Amino acid sequence: MEGSKAVFDPGSVLVIDGKIELVGRVADVDQHPAASDVEVVDVTGHAVVPGFHNCHLHSGLLRGTAESLALWEWLEDHIDPAHRALTPEIAEAASWMAYTEGLRGGTVSVLDMWRYMEGSARAAEAIGIRATLAPYTADLYDYFETLETNRRLLETHRVAADGRVRTWVGLEHIFYCSPDMFRGAAALAEEFDTGIHTHSSESIWEVQECLRQFGRRPIEEFYNRGILGPQSVVAHGVWLDDREVQLMVQTGTSVTHCPCSNMKLSSGPARIGFYRQQGMTVALGTDGEKENNNLDMLEEMKFASLLQKVSTLDPTTGDPWDILDMATLSGARALGLDEVTGSLETGKDADIVTVNLGGLHFVPVMHGDDFNIAAHLVFTASSHDVANVWVQGRQLVVDGEVTSVDVAQVAGQAQAAAEELFERRRQLKGTTPSPATTLGKNE
C-alpha cells in the first residue's frame, strides 16, 4: 500500500525488533542474513496487509438503542443526555470495549473523540493499540470537556506508551463551541504542536444554519477561526462545496469519510472521489458504535466504495485500491503517522494484519493476471476474516482471538457500565439543552 499497487504473491515480511526489515517475494526475503534466526509465522492462504486506521471513532455504549432518527433529533434525545449522565468509569469501560472490538477486526490505530480520556489512554496502553485521543470539548453546553481538561490530558499524555498513545485537541462541533473556543483550541494545538479534530458539514441543515449565523459555510468559518491545517482532521465533510474543498486542499486539512454513519443518519453521500482527485487526504472511519453499529473497517471499506458508485452513478469510482489506501496509508497520513505506519515498507513499524481467504465467500482466489485479492478485501471480507494482528511487532490477535486482554471480562464490564449509564440517564432532571433545541431544528 505504498502507492504503486505492488503485490508479492507469494510474499514475505521480515520483522526485526518491531520494525519491518524487508518486504518481498518469499525466496528473496529468505536470503536475508537475519531470516534464518527469526520465528516463522506461516499464513499461506492469507492476505498480508498494513493494519487499518480508524480515523473517526467515538467510544460509547449506546449501540442499538437510538435507531431510525434524524441527526439532530438523535443528538437531542439520546446522545447529549447520555453525555450528561457519563462518568469516568463508564467512559473507560466503553473505550476498553471499542478498542478491543476494533483490534479484533484489524484496526491498529484509532482517532477517538470521547470524554474522561485518561481512562481511554489506560485502555489503549493495556490492549496494545495505537490511539490518538481528541476529547469532546465544548463551551456552549456544560456536559462536555473543556480546553482546560484537554490541556491536562496533553500535559500527561501528549505522547505515551512508547508513542502509541497521543493527545490532540478536540472540538465537538461548530454549534457546541463558541468562536473564542475555536481560537483557543488553535492556540492550544500550536502550543503543544499537536493536531485538531472536529466534526463538520455532516448535514444540509448544519450548512444552512452556519450560513444563517455566520454568513459563511462551515469550512470557510473554520478557516476564519484558524483551525484548518496539515495537523487537522475534519470528520464527515459530506456537504463541502468546491470552494471549501480547495480550502481543505490548500491548508492540507484531511477529512475522514464515515459512509455507514452518513447513510444511517441520512446525512448524504460525500464526494469522496472528487476530494481525492483534488488532492485532499481522505481517511476512513466507522464513527461510533451507536451510529454504525459496529467498528468493522473492512465492512466500512465496502460501503465507502458502494456509496460512491450509487451516489455518482459511476461504476468506475470507488476502486478497491483507492479504498484500501484510505483505510491504510491515507489514514496514517491524516494522523501524521505515515512515516512510521500505514504501509508495509522497510523501516516502518510492524503494524500488520492477515486476512484468512480460506472461506467459501472468497472463492475463487485468483493470482497472476487475474489477481483479485484487493477486490476481495473491499467487497467480500469482514472483521471475522481477520486472523492475526501485530502492532509495533507485538502480536495482539492470534488465530482470530485477542490475546492482550480478557475479552469476556471487557464485554462484561462494558455491559454493566451500559446498564449503569442508562439508569443514570433515566434519573436526569430537566431537559438537556442542545443545538437542536436552542437553534430550532425545524425552523
Protein backbone atom coordinates (compact mmCIF):
# COMPACT_ATOMS: atom_id res chain seq x y z
CA MET A 1 0.00 0.00 0.00
CA GLU A 2 2.90 2.38 -0.58
CA GLY A 3 1.23 3.73 -3.72
CA SER A 4 2.43 1.53 -6.57
CA LYS A 5 -0.13 -1.29 -6.22
CA ALA A 6 2.74 -3.67 -5.53
CA VAL A 7 1.87 -7.29 -4.79
CA PHE A 8 4.19 -10.08 -3.72
CA ASP A 9 2.42 -13.36 -4.42
CA PRO A 10 3.59 -15.34 -2.56
CA GLY A 11 5.19 -12.76 -0.30
CA SER A 12 7.00 -12.46 2.99
CA VAL A 13 7.61 -9.73 5.58
CA LEU A 14 10.72 -9.80 7.74
CA VAL A 15 10.29 -8.11 11.12
CA ILE A 16 13.19 -7.36 13.45
CA ASP A 17 12.72 -5.64 16.82
CA GLY A 18 9.22 -4.48 15.92
CA LYS A 19 10.30 -2.89 12.62
CA ILE A 20 9.83 -4.07 9.06
CA GLU A 21 13.24 -5.05 7.75
CA LEU A 22 12.26 -6.32 4.31
CA VAL A 23 9.16 -6.99 2.19
CA GLY A 24 9.27 -9.09 -0.96
CA ARG A 25 8.89 -12.50 -2.51
CA VAL A 26 9.40 -15.41 -0.15
CA ALA A 27 12.55 -16.62 -1.88
CA ASP A 28 14.10 -13.15 -1.81
CA VAL A 29 13.31 -12.47 1.84
CA ASP A 30 14.67 -15.89 2.79
CA GLN A 31 18.08 -14.76 1.52
CA HIS A 32 18.31 -12.00 4.15
CA PRO A 33 21.03 -12.81 6.73
CA ALA A 34 18.54 -12.47 9.61
CA ALA A 35 15.87 -14.68 8.04
CA SER A 36 17.24 -17.91 9.45
CA ASP A 37 17.20 -16.65 13.06
CA VAL A 38 13.59 -15.44 13.40
CA GLU A 39 10.30 -17.15 14.15
CA VAL A 40 8.36 -18.07 11.02
CA VAL A 41 4.60 -17.46 11.00
CA ASP A 42 3.10 -19.39 8.11
CA VAL A 43 -0.02 -17.63 6.83
CA THR A 44 -0.33 -19.35 3.49
CA GLY A 45 -3.75 -18.54 2.05
CA HIS A 46 -3.96 -15.19 3.83
CA ALA A 47 -3.69 -11.64 2.56
CA VAL A 48 -0.96 -9.82 4.50
CA VAL A 49 -1.72 -6.10 4.62
CA PRO A 50 -0.96 -2.99 6.68
CA GLY A 51 -3.15 -2.51 9.73
CA PHE A 52 -6.20 -0.28 9.41
CA HIS A 53 -6.51 3.25 10.81
CA ASN A 54 -9.98 4.16 12.07
CA CYS A 55 -9.77 7.94 11.80
CA HIS A 56 -13.09 8.85 13.39
CA LEU A 57 -14.42 6.90 16.34
CA HIS A 58 -16.44 7.63 19.45
CA SER A 59 -16.11 5.14 22.27
CA GLY A 60 -19.61 4.51 23.58
CA LEU A 61 -22.26 2.17 24.94
CA LEU A 62 -25.46 3.10 23.09
CA ARG A 63 -25.40 0.55 20.29
CA GLY A 64 -28.87 -0.42 19.04
CA THR A 65 -30.77 1.93 21.37
CA ALA A 66 -31.37 5.06 19.27
CA GLU A 67 -32.40 3.99 15.81
CA SER A 68 -34.24 5.45 12.79
CA LEU A 69 -33.77 9.08 13.80
CA ALA A 70 -32.52 12.18 12.04
CA LEU A 71 -29.15 13.50 13.17
CA TRP A 72 -30.27 16.40 15.33
CA GLU A 73 -33.21 14.58 16.92
CA TRP A 74 -30.84 11.71 17.63
CA LEU A 75 -28.40 14.10 19.33
CA GLU A 76 -31.07 15.94 21.33
CA ASP A 77 -32.99 12.94 22.63
CA HIS A 78 -30.29 10.31 23.11
CA ILE A 79 -26.67 11.32 22.68
CA ASP A 80 -26.49 14.59 24.63
CA PRO A 81 -28.41 13.21 27.65
CA ALA A 82 -26.01 10.26 27.69
CA HIS A 83 -23.09 12.70 27.86
CA ARG A 84 -24.72 14.39 30.87
CA ALA A 85 -25.01 11.01 32.60
CA LEU A 86 -21.50 9.77 31.78
CA THR A 87 -18.91 9.07 34.49
CA PRO A 88 -15.16 8.45 34.15
CA GLU A 89 -15.63 4.77 35.00
CA ILE A 90 -18.36 4.25 32.40
CA ALA A 91 -16.32 6.13 29.79
CA GLU A 92 -13.28 3.96 30.41
CA ALA A 93 -15.28 0.74 30.09
CA ALA A 94 -16.56 1.99 26.72
CA SER A 95 -13.02 2.57 25.45
CA TRP A 96 -11.88 -0.88 26.55
CA MET A 97 -14.76 -2.34 24.56
CA ALA A 98 -14.30 -0.16 21.47
CA TYR A 99 -10.55 -0.65 21.21
CA THR A 100 -10.78 -4.41 21.74
CA GLU A 101 -13.52 -4.71 19.12
CA GLY A 102 -11.55 -2.65 16.63
CA LEU A 103 -8.33 -4.58 17.20
CA ARG A 104 -10.10 -7.90 16.64
CA GLY A 105 -11.09 -6.64 13.19
CA GLY A 106 -7.62 -5.47 12.12
CA THR A 107 -7.69 -1.88 13.38
CA VAL A 108 -4.24 -0.95 14.67
CA SER A 109 -4.97 2.75 15.26
CA VAL A 110 -7.96 4.88 16.25
CA LEU A 111 -8.71 8.60 16.39
CA ASP A 112 -11.17 8.60 19.28
CA MET A 113 -13.27 11.57 20.34
CA TRP A 114 -14.62 10.81 23.79
CA ARG A 115 -14.65 12.03 27.40
CA TYR A 116 -12.58 11.36 30.53
CA MET A 117 -9.84 10.13 28.24
CA GLU A 118 -7.28 9.29 30.89
CA GLY A 119 -9.25 6.03 31.03
CA SER A 120 -9.08 5.71 27.25
CA ALA A 121 -5.30 6.08 27.45
CA ARG A 122 -5.13 3.29 30.05
CA ALA A 123 -7.23 1.05 27.83
CA ALA A 124 -5.15 1.68 24.70
CA GLU A 125 -1.88 1.11 26.55
CA ALA A 126 -3.05 -2.19 28.05
CA ILE A 127 -4.69 -3.52 24.87
CA GLY A 128 -1.69 -2.55 22.73
CA ILE A 129 -3.50 -0.50 20.08
CA ARG A 130 -2.48 2.94 18.83
CA ALA A 131 -4.85 5.69 19.98
CA THR A 132 -5.00 9.38 19.15
CA LEU A 133 -7.19 10.94 21.84
CA ALA A 134 -9.30 14.01 20.99
CA PRO A 135 -11.54 14.98 23.92
CA TYR A 136 -15.08 16.19 23.22
CA THR A 137 -14.66 19.85 24.20
CA ALA A 138 -17.41 22.48 24.13
CA ASP A 139 -18.26 25.67 25.98
CA LEU A 140 -21.86 26.39 24.94
CA TYR A 141 -23.11 23.31 26.80
CA ASP A 142 -21.71 22.15 30.13
CA TYR A 143 -21.72 18.37 29.72
CA PHE A 144 -18.52 18.13 27.66
CA GLU A 145 -14.82 18.52 28.27
CA THR A 146 -13.17 21.95 28.37
CA LEU A 147 -9.96 23.26 26.88
CA GLU A 148 -8.55 23.13 30.40
CA THR A 149 -9.26 19.40 30.76
CA ASN A 150 -7.87 18.93 27.26
CA ARG A 151 -4.73 20.76 28.38
CA ARG A 152 -4.35 18.48 31.38
CA LEU A 153 -4.55 15.42 29.14
CA LEU A 154 -1.93 16.94 26.84
CA GLU A 155 0.34 17.53 29.82
CA THR A 156 0.19 13.86 30.84
CA HIS A 157 -0.39 12.07 27.52
CA ARG A 158 0.94 14.28 24.74
CA VAL A 159 2.85 11.13 23.77
CA ALA A 160 2.72 7.99 25.89
CA ALA A 161 3.00 4.20 25.74
CA ASP A 162 6.10 4.11 23.50
CA GLY A 163 4.46 6.53 21.09
CA ARG A 164 1.27 4.52 20.66
CA VAL A 165 -0.92 6.92 22.66
CA ARG A 166 -1.10 10.59 21.71
CA THR A 167 -3.39 13.51 22.57
CA TRP A 168 -4.87 16.03 20.18
CA VAL A 169 -7.20 18.98 20.71
CA GLY A 170 -10.86 18.10 20.16
CA LEU A 171 -13.78 20.37 19.27
CA GLU A 172 -17.24 18.83 19.42
CA HIS A 173 -18.99 20.84 16.72
CA ILE A 174 -19.41 24.40 15.50
CA PHE A 175 -22.79 24.74 17.25
CA TYR A 176 -21.43 23.42 20.56
CA CYS A 177 -18.37 25.68 20.65
CA SER A 178 -18.04 29.46 20.58
CA PRO A 179 -15.75 31.25 18.12
CA ASP A 180 -13.45 32.07 21.04
CA MET A 181 -13.19 28.37 21.90
CA PHE A 182 -12.12 27.56 18.34
CA ARG A 183 -9.39 30.17 18.55
CA GLY A 184 -8.36 28.87 21.96
CA ALA A 185 -8.20 25.35 20.55
CA ALA A 186 -5.96 26.54 17.70
CA ALA A 187 -3.66 28.23 20.21
CA LEU A 188 -3.57 25.12 22.41
CA ALA A 189 -2.71 22.89 19.45
CA GLU A 190 0.06 25.27 18.42
CA GLU A 191 1.44 25.38 21.98
CA PHE A 192 1.69 21.58 22.17
CA ASP A 193 2.46 21.05 18.47
CA THR A 194 -0.42 18.63 18.12
CA GLY A 195 -3.45 18.00 15.94
CA ILE A 196 -7.06 19.18 15.97
CA HIS A 197 -10.11 17.01 15.38
CA THR A 198 -13.72 18.11 14.92
CA HIS A 199 -16.93 17.40 13.01
CA SER A 200 -18.26 19.42 10.11
CA SER A 201 -20.70 19.56 7.21
CA GLU A 202 -22.47 16.37 8.19
CA SER A 203 -26.00 17.58 7.34
CA ILE A 204 -27.59 20.10 5.00
CA TRP A 205 -29.28 21.78 7.97
CA GLU A 206 -25.89 22.36 9.55
CA VAL A 207 -24.63 24.20 6.45
CA GLN A 208 -27.80 26.29 6.24
CA GLU A 209 -27.64 27.20 9.92
CA CYS A 210 -23.97 28.12 9.65
CA LEU A 211 -24.75 30.43 6.74
CA ARG A 212 -27.57 32.00 8.73
CA GLN A 213 -25.47 32.57 11.86
CA PHE A 214 -22.09 33.44 10.44
CA GLY A 215 -22.61 34.28 6.79
CA ARG A 216 -20.16 31.56 5.80
CA ARG A 217 -20.22 27.83 5.12
CA PRO A 218 -18.70 25.66 7.88
CA ILE A 219 -15.23 25.09 6.37
CA GLU A 220 -14.97 28.79 5.50
CA GLU A 221 -15.83 29.57 9.11
CA PHE A 222 -13.21 27.07 10.30
CA TYR A 223 -10.66 28.87 8.15
CA ASN A 224 -11.72 32.17 9.64
CA ARG A 225 -11.31 30.74 13.15
CA GLY A 226 -7.85 29.38 12.40
CA ILE A 227 -8.24 25.63 12.84
CA LEU A 228 -7.51 24.35 9.32
CA GLY A 229 -4.04 22.98 8.63
CA PRO A 230 -1.94 19.89 7.98
CA GLN A 231 -2.46 18.64 11.54
CA SER A 232 -6.26 18.98 11.42
CA VAL A 233 -8.76 16.23 10.62
CA VAL A 234 -12.41 17.03 9.92
CA ALA A 235 -14.91 14.19 10.30
CA HIS A 236 -17.64 13.70 7.68
CA GLY A 237 -17.32 16.63 5.25
CA VAL A 238 -20.41 15.43 3.41
CA TRP A 239 -21.63 18.79 2.12
CA LEU A 240 -18.48 20.61 1.01
CA ASP A 241 -18.79 22.92 -1.97
CA ASP A 242 -15.92 23.38 -4.42
CA ARG A 243 -14.53 26.41 -2.58
CA GLU A 244 -14.44 24.50 0.70
CA VAL A 245 -12.70 21.60 -0.99
CA GLN A 246 -10.00 23.97 -2.20
CA LEU A 247 -9.63 25.46 1.28
CA MET A 248 -9.11 21.95 2.66
CA VAL A 249 -6.55 21.13 -0.04
CA GLN A 250 -4.69 24.44 0.23
CA THR A 251 -4.39 24.19 4.01
CA GLY A 252 -3.53 20.47 3.99
CA THR A 253 -6.55 19.63 6.13
CA SER A 254 -7.69 15.99 5.99
CA VAL A 255 -11.22 14.62 6.00
CA THR A 256 -12.46 11.34 7.46
CA HIS A 257 -15.20 9.64 5.47
CA CYS A 258 -17.75 7.69 7.55
CA PRO A 259 -20.08 6.11 4.97
CA CYS A 260 -22.08 3.81 7.26
CA SER A 261 -22.84 6.63 9.68
CA ASN A 262 -23.68 9.03 6.86
CA MET A 263 -26.13 6.54 5.39
CA LYS A 264 -27.69 5.52 8.69
CA LEU A 265 -28.36 9.11 9.76
CA SER A 266 -29.41 10.08 6.22
CA SER A 267 -26.69 12.71 6.14
CA GLY A 268 -25.89 12.15 2.49
CA PRO A 269 -23.02 10.97 0.25
CA ALA A 270 -19.72 12.84 0.37
CA ARG A 271 -17.95 13.44 -2.96
CA ILE A 272 -15.01 11.33 -1.91
CA GLY A 273 -13.74 10.55 -5.40
CA PHE A 274 -13.71 14.26 -6.23
CA TYR A 275 -11.98 15.14 -2.96
CA ARG A 276 -9.18 12.71 -3.70
CA GLN A 277 -8.87 13.91 -7.29
CA GLN A 278 -8.37 17.45 -5.97
CA GLY A 279 -5.54 16.29 -3.71
CA MET A 280 -7.29 16.07 -0.37
CA THR A 281 -6.16 13.40 2.09
CA VAL A 282 -9.23 11.24 2.72
CA ALA A 283 -9.17 8.80 5.62
CA LEU A 284 -11.81 6.28 6.60
CA GLY A 285 -13.66 5.94 9.90
CA THR A 286 -16.51 3.97 11.40
CA ASP A 287 -17.83 6.78 13.61
CA GLY A 288 -19.16 5.47 16.94
CA GLU A 289 -20.77 2.16 17.80
CA LYS A 290 -24.11 3.94 18.13
CA GLU A 291 -24.23 5.25 14.57
CA ASN A 292 -22.74 2.33 12.69
CA ASN A 293 -23.38 -0.18 14.65
CA ASN A 294 -20.01 -1.88 14.58
CA LEU A 295 -16.36 -0.91 14.28
CA ASP A 296 -15.58 -3.15 11.29
CA MET A 297 -13.18 -1.30 8.98
CA LEU A 298 -13.41 -3.97 6.29
CA GLU A 299 -17.18 -3.51 6.13
CA GLU A 300 -16.63 0.25 6.11
CA MET A 301 -14.44 -0.14 3.03
CA LYS A 302 -17.20 -1.92 1.14
CA PHE A 303 -19.73 0.79 1.92
CA ALA A 304 -17.22 3.52 1.10
CA SER A 305 -16.94 2.11 -2.41
CA LEU A 306 -20.62 1.34 -2.93
CA LEU A 307 -21.83 4.71 -1.68
CA GLN A 308 -19.56 6.45 -4.19
CA LYS A 309 -20.86 4.27 -7.00
CA VAL A 310 -24.56 4.67 -6.28
CA SER A 311 -24.40 8.40 -5.49
CA THR A 312 -22.47 9.29 -8.66
CA LEU A 313 -24.00 6.61 -10.90
CA ASP A 314 -20.40 5.90 -11.90
CA PRO A 315 -19.34 2.25 -11.52
CA THR A 316 -15.67 3.14 -12.11
CA THR A 317 -15.32 5.16 -8.90
CA GLY A 318 -14.57 3.57 -5.54
CA ASP A 319 -11.77 1.41 -6.94
CA PRO A 320 -10.67 -1.19 -4.34
CA TRP A 321 -7.06 0.02 -4.33
CA ASP A 322 -8.24 3.58 -3.62
CA ILE A 323 -10.45 2.41 -0.77
CA LEU A 324 -7.66 0.30 0.72
CA ASP A 325 -5.43 3.36 0.61
CA MET A 326 -7.98 5.36 2.61
CA ALA A 327 -8.00 2.69 5.32
CA THR A 328 -4.22 2.33 5.48
CA LEU A 329 -1.68 4.87 4.22
CA SER A 330 -4.02 7.86 3.81
CA GLY A 331 -5.40 7.17 7.27
CA ALA A 332 -1.90 7.15 8.70
CA ARG A 333 -1.12 10.36 6.78
CA ALA A 334 -4.18 12.11 8.22
CA LEU A 335 -2.94 11.19 11.69
CA GLY A 336 0.62 12.33 10.96
CA LEU A 337 1.83 8.75 11.30
CA ASP A 338 2.66 7.91 7.71
CA GLU A 339 6.40 7.97 8.38
CA VAL A 340 6.04 5.11 10.86
CA THR A 341 2.98 3.09 9.76
CA GLY A 342 0.29 2.74 7.11
CA SER A 343 2.18 0.58 4.61
CA LEU A 344 4.44 -2.46 4.53
CA GLU A 345 7.77 -0.76 3.89
CA THR A 346 11.28 -1.19 5.22
CA GLY A 347 11.86 0.91 8.32
CA LYS A 348 8.23 1.26 9.33
CA ASP A 349 6.69 -0.20 12.46
CA ALA A 350 5.37 -3.72 12.02
CA ASP A 351 1.64 -2.91 12.13
CA ILE A 352 0.45 -5.92 10.17
CA VAL A 353 -2.85 -7.73 9.60
CA THR A 354 -3.54 -11.08 7.97
CA VAL A 355 -6.93 -11.85 6.47
CA ASN A 356 -7.80 -15.51 6.01
CA LEU A 357 -9.00 -16.05 2.44
CA GLY A 358 -9.99 -19.67 3.02
CA GLY A 359 -13.75 -19.20 3.36
CA LEU A 360 -16.27 -20.15 0.70
CA HIS A 361 -17.17 -16.49 0.27
CA PHE A 362 -13.70 -15.82 -1.17
CA VAL A 363 -13.85 -18.47 -3.89
CA PRO A 364 -12.25 -18.01 -6.37
CA VAL A 365 -8.94 -16.58 -5.17
CA MET A 366 -7.02 -15.71 -8.31
CA HIS A 367 -3.36 -14.94 -8.94
CA GLY A 368 -1.19 -13.52 -11.69
CA ASP A 369 -3.05 -11.56 -14.36
CA ASP A 370 -6.38 -12.42 -12.69
CA PHE A 371 -5.29 -11.22 -9.21
CA ASN A 372 -8.42 -10.30 -7.25
CA ILE A 373 -7.35 -10.01 -3.63
CA ALA A 374 -7.78 -6.23 -3.45
CA ALA A 375 -11.39 -6.64 -4.59
CA HIS A 376 -11.94 -9.45 -2.08
CA LEU A 377 -10.65 -7.31 0.79
CA VAL A 378 -13.01 -4.45 -0.05
CA PHE A 379 -16.14 -6.24 -1.25
CA THR A 380 -16.03 -9.67 0.43
CA ALA A 381 -14.07 -9.64 3.68
CA SER A 382 -15.32 -8.68 7.13
CA SER A 383 -13.70 -8.37 10.53
CA HIS A 384 -14.49 -12.04 11.16
CA ASP A 385 -11.97 -12.98 8.49
CA VAL A 386 -9.08 -11.22 10.27
CA ALA A 387 -6.79 -13.89 11.68
CA ASN A 388 -3.72 -12.12 13.09
CA VAL A 389 -2.78 -8.58 14.11
CA TRP A 390 0.57 -7.12 15.11
CA VAL A 391 1.19 -3.60 16.42
CA GLN A 392 4.83 -2.48 16.60
CA GLY A 393 5.75 -6.12 16.04
CA ARG A 394 3.79 -7.40 19.04
CA GLN A 395 1.15 -9.97 18.12
CA LEU A 396 -2.15 -8.98 19.74
CA VAL A 397 -4.57 -11.20 17.76
CA VAL A 398 -3.75 -14.86 17.17
CA ASP A 399 -5.99 -17.03 15.00
CA GLY A 400 -8.87 -14.60 15.45
CA GLU A 401 -8.55 -14.23 19.22
CA VAL A 402 -7.40 -11.08 21.02
CA THR A 403 -4.65 -12.20 23.37
CA SER A 404 -3.65 -8.95 25.08
CA VAL A 405 -6.81 -8.75 27.22
CA ASP A 406 -9.57 -10.97 28.60
CA VAL A 407 -12.28 -10.30 26.02
CA ALA A 408 -15.07 -11.79 28.13
CA GLN A 409 -14.12 -9.56 31.03
CA VAL A 410 -14.05 -6.49 28.77
CA ALA A 411 -17.51 -7.35 27.45
CA GLY A 412 -18.92 -7.96 30.93
CA GLN A 413 -17.60 -4.69 32.28
CA ALA A 414 -18.97 -2.80 29.27
CA GLN A 415 -22.39 -4.41 29.69
CA ALA A 416 -22.53 -3.41 33.35
CA ALA A 417 -21.35 0.10 32.51
CA ALA A 418 -24.03 0.47 29.83
CA GLU A 419 -26.76 -0.57 32.24
CA GLU A 420 -25.48 1.95 34.77
CA LEU A 421 -25.35 4.66 32.11
CA PHE A 422 -28.97 4.09 31.08
CA GLU A 423 -30.12 4.16 34.69
CA ARG A 424 -28.24 7.38 35.32
CA ARG A 425 -29.77 8.89 32.19
CA ARG A 426 -33.28 7.97 33.39
CA GLN A 427 -32.57 9.81 36.64
CA LEU A 428 -31.61 13.09 34.96
CA LYS A 429 -33.69 16.11 35.95
CA GLY A 430 -34.96 18.60 33.40
CA THR A 431 -34.28 18.71 29.69
CA THR A 432 -30.84 18.56 28.16
CA PRO A 433 -30.08 21.71 26.19
CA SER A 434 -28.56 21.05 22.77
CA PRO A 435 -28.23 22.82 19.43
CA ALA A 436 -31.32 21.05 18.11
CA THR A 437 -33.39 22.71 20.85
CA THR A 438 -31.53 26.01 21.05
CA LEU A 439 -31.33 26.66 17.33
CA GLY A 440 -34.67 25.18 16.37
CA LYS A 441 -34.03 22.28 14.03
CA ASN A 442 -37.42 22.62 12.35
CA GLU A 443 -37.32 26.36 11.71
